[in-house]
Amino acid sequence: MSENISKRLSFVLRHRPDSIGLRLDAAGWTDVEGLLAAFAQHGLRLSRAELEAVVATNDKKRFAFSADGNRIRAVQGHSVEVDLQHPVLVPPELLYHGTVERFLAAILREGLRPGRRHDVHLSPDPSTAQAVGERRGEAIILTVLAGAMHADGFSFRRADNGVWLTAEVPPRFLQREP
């Protein structure tokens, strides 16, 4: 059940808050009580405790409560316009991206692009990239030369869940793992 709730939260908080009559503020936050009421009006009765449990146990740490606990948001992956205010940071020398064979030729030719999201999502380690890639099939891990990108003027931010974000990754900064 919590996986279904997590998927529904992701859909609403990252892509379609309007699907249940919600609005996100400029930083992606919405009122917790309003979210629970909207879910109930759309057939998903969820208690505050159940919501807290889903947020606390989400393996990808996709959601966060505000410091006062009155608001909630997704920490990255939005297709709706929000400014999550993640600070610009110096990335580690290497970051990673998990993909599958059917996307590899285009990625090596065009680089990594955000698609419908605001940013390209990069993993801090190969094992996380492996897990991300495996959602679509047999994973191929690409190494991103993040330090070189940063030295070349690209900016990076890190979401609260450890995912690194950047606007794009040109092909010259990608290497295929053996």
Protein backbone atom coordinates (compact mmCIF):
# COMPACT_ATOMS: atom_id res chain seq x y z
CA MET A 1 0.00 0.00 0.00
CA SER A 2 2.76 2.50 0.88
CA GLU A 3 4.33 2.02 -2.57
CA ASN A 4 1.02 3.01 -4.17
CA ILE A 5 0.80 6.04 -1.88
CA SER A 6 4.39 6.97 -2.70
CA LYS A 7 3.65 6.77 -6.43
CA ARG A 8 0.53 8.88 -6.01
CA LEU A 9 2.48 11.44 -3.94
CA SER A 10 5.18 11.57 -6.63
CA PHE A 11 2.59 12.13 -9.34
CA VAL A 12 0.82 14.89 -7.42
CA LEU A 13 3.83 16.66 -5.87
CA ARG A 14 6.13 16.42 -8.91
CA HIS A 15 3.86 16.54 -11.94
CA ARG A 16 0.13 17.13 -11.50
CA PRO A 17 -0.94 18.85 -8.28
CA ASP A 18 -3.96 20.10 -10.22
CA SER A 19 -5.16 16.50 -10.65
CA ILE A 20 -6.52 16.67 -7.09
CA GLY A 21 -7.09 20.43 -6.97
CA LEU A 22 -3.82 21.40 -5.26
CA ARG A 23 -1.40 24.21 -5.94
CA LEU A 24 2.28 24.20 -5.11
CA ASP A 25 4.00 27.39 -4.01
CA ALA A 26 7.06 28.69 -5.87
CA ALA A 27 9.35 26.32 -3.93
CA GLY A 28 7.14 23.26 -4.47
CA TRP A 29 5.50 23.19 -1.03
CA THR A 30 1.84 22.48 -0.28
CA ASP A 31 -0.08 22.37 2.98
CA VAL A 32 -0.16 18.87 4.55
CA GLU A 33 -3.76 19.17 5.76
CA GLY A 34 -4.83 20.42 2.32
CA LEU A 35 -3.04 17.48 0.68
CA LEU A 36 -4.74 14.96 2.98
CA ALA A 37 -8.15 16.57 2.36
CA ALA A 38 -7.61 16.61 -1.41
CA PHE A 39 -6.55 12.97 -1.41
CA ALA A 40 -9.67 12.06 0.60
CA GLN A 41 -11.88 13.92 -1.89
CA HIS A 42 -10.28 11.86 -4.67
CA GLY A 43 -10.70 8.46 -3.03
CA LEU A 44 -7.46 8.07 -1.07
CA ARG A 45 -8.09 8.31 2.66
CA LEU A 46 -4.74 8.81 4.32
CA SER A 47 -4.01 9.77 7.93
CA ARG A 48 -1.25 12.14 8.94
CA ALA A 49 0.57 9.21 10.58
CA GLU A 50 0.34 7.14 7.38
CA LEU A 51 1.70 10.05 5.35
CA GLU A 52 4.57 10.51 7.81
CA ALA A 53 5.37 6.79 7.57
CA VAL A 54 5.46 6.92 3.75
CA VAL A 55 7.79 9.93 3.82
CA ALA A 56 10.05 8.37 6.45
CA THR A 57 10.31 4.97 4.76
CA ASN A 58 10.56 6.05 1.11
CA ASP A 59 13.77 4.37 -0.05
CA LYS A 60 14.65 7.25 -2.36
CA LYS A 61 13.80 9.99 0.16
CA ARG A 62 11.66 11.72 -2.47
CA PHE A 63 9.63 13.83 -0.05
CA ALA A 64 10.31 16.26 2.75
CA PHE A 65 8.29 18.04 5.40
CA SER A 66 8.97 21.68 6.21
CA ALA A 67 10.76 22.40 9.49
CA ASP A 68 7.42 23.06 11.22
CA GLY A 69 5.85 19.92 9.70
CA ASN A 70 2.94 21.83 8.17
CA ARG A 71 4.03 21.60 4.53
CA ILE A 72 5.31 18.85 2.25
CA ARG A 73 7.08 18.72 -1.11
CA ALA A 74 8.95 16.43 -3.46
CA VAL A 75 12.68 17.11 -3.23
CA GLN A 76 13.43 16.77 -6.98
CA GLY A 77 12.11 15.42 -10.26
CA HIS A 78 9.44 18.00 -10.98
CA SER A 79 7.95 18.60 -14.40
CA VAL A 80 5.95 21.58 -13.06
CA GLU A 81 7.71 24.90 -12.59
CA VAL A 82 9.19 25.18 -9.09
CA ASP A 83 12.39 26.60 -7.61
CA LEU A 84 13.51 24.12 -4.98
CA GLN A 85 16.28 26.49 -3.87
CA HIS A 86 18.92 23.79 -3.66
CA PRO A 87 22.24 25.58 -3.22
CA VAL A 88 24.88 25.48 -5.94
CA LEU A 89 27.71 23.22 -4.75
CA VAL A 90 31.04 21.95 -5.99
CA PRO A 91 30.36 18.37 -7.11
CA PRO A 92 32.62 15.38 -6.52
CA GLU A 93 35.02 14.61 -9.37
CA LEU A 94 32.79 11.79 -10.61
CA LEU A 95 29.05 11.26 -10.61
CA TYR A 96 27.07 8.48 -12.27
CA HIS A 97 24.02 7.93 -14.45
CA GLY A 98 22.15 4.66 -14.93
CA THR A 99 20.50 4.03 -18.28
CA VAL A 100 19.68 1.15 -20.62
CA GLU A 101 20.96 0.09 -24.05
CA ARG A 102 18.08 1.58 -26.05
CA PHE A 103 18.99 5.12 -24.88
CA LEU A 104 22.78 4.76 -25.02
CA ALA A 105 23.48 5.83 -28.63
CA ALA A 106 21.43 9.02 -28.26
CA ILE A 107 23.04 9.84 -24.91
CA LEU A 108 26.57 9.35 -26.26
CA ARG A 109 25.68 11.50 -29.27
CA GLU A 110 23.66 14.27 -27.58
CA GLY A 111 24.60 14.01 -23.90
CA LEU A 112 22.21 13.84 -20.97
CA ARG A 113 19.23 16.19 -21.14
CA PRO A 114 16.45 16.69 -18.60
CA GLY A 115 13.57 15.66 -20.85
CA ARG A 116 10.33 16.66 -19.14
CA ARG A 117 12.09 17.36 -15.84
CA HIS A 118 13.94 20.52 -14.90
CA ASP A 119 17.34 18.91 -14.45
CA VAL A 120 19.44 15.88 -15.25
CA HIS A 121 19.60 13.60 -12.20
CA LEU A 122 22.96 12.10 -11.29
CA SER A 123 23.84 9.52 -8.66
CA PRO A 124 26.68 9.89 -6.16
CA ASP A 125 27.86 6.30 -6.62
CA PRO A 126 27.71 3.49 -9.20
CA SER A 127 25.42 1.28 -7.10
CA THR A 128 22.71 3.95 -6.94
CA ALA A 129 23.03 4.54 -10.69
CA GLN A 130 22.73 0.78 -11.19
CA ALA A 131 19.46 0.71 -9.24
CA VAL A 132 18.12 3.67 -11.23
CA GLY A 133 19.04 2.10 -14.56
CA GLU A 134 17.55 -1.28 -13.62
CA ARG A 135 14.08 0.25 -13.39
CA ARG A 136 14.01 0.09 -17.20
CA GLY A 137 15.99 -3.08 -17.90
CA GLU A 138 19.62 -4.17 -17.79
CA ALA A 139 21.52 -1.17 -16.49
CA ILE A 140 24.43 0.53 -18.19
CA ILE A 141 26.39 2.87 -15.94
CA LEU A 142 27.83 6.10 -17.33
CA THR A 143 30.49 8.02 -15.43
CA VAL A 144 30.00 11.79 -15.48
CA LEU A 145 33.18 13.87 -15.25
CA ALA A 146 31.49 16.31 -12.88
CA GLY A 147 34.71 17.94 -11.67
CA ALA A 148 35.72 18.75 -15.24
CA MET A 149 32.22 20.05 -15.97
CA HIS A 150 32.37 22.29 -12.93
CA ALA A 151 35.80 23.59 -14.00
CA ASP A 152 34.22 24.34 -17.39
CA GLY A 153 31.52 26.50 -15.78
CA PHE A 154 28.62 24.07 -15.31
CA SER A 155 26.73 24.38 -12.03
CA PHE A 156 25.51 21.57 -9.80
CA ARG A 157 23.03 21.36 -6.96
CA ARG A 158 22.33 18.50 -4.59
CA ALA A 159 18.79 17.60 -3.53
CA ASP A 160 18.06 16.71 0.08
CA ASN A 161 18.06 13.01 -0.85
CA GLY A 162 21.61 13.11 -2.27
CA VAL A 163 20.69 13.24 -5.97
CA TRP A 164 22.90 15.67 -7.88
CA LEU A 165 21.20 18.00 -10.37
CA THR A 166 22.54 19.88 -13.38
CA ALA A 167 20.96 21.40 -16.47
CA GLU A 168 22.68 19.04 -18.93
CA VAL A 169 25.71 16.81 -19.42
CA PRO A 170 27.40 17.23 -22.81
CA PRO A 171 28.73 13.99 -24.35
CA ARG A 172 32.38 14.99 -23.85
CA PHE A 173 31.87 14.62 -20.08
CA LEU A 174 30.52 11.05 -20.27
CA GLN A 175 32.38 7.76 -20.07
CA ARG A 176 30.87 4.30 -20.27
CA GLU A 177 31.76 2.00 -17.39
CA PRO A 178 33.49 -1.18 -18.61
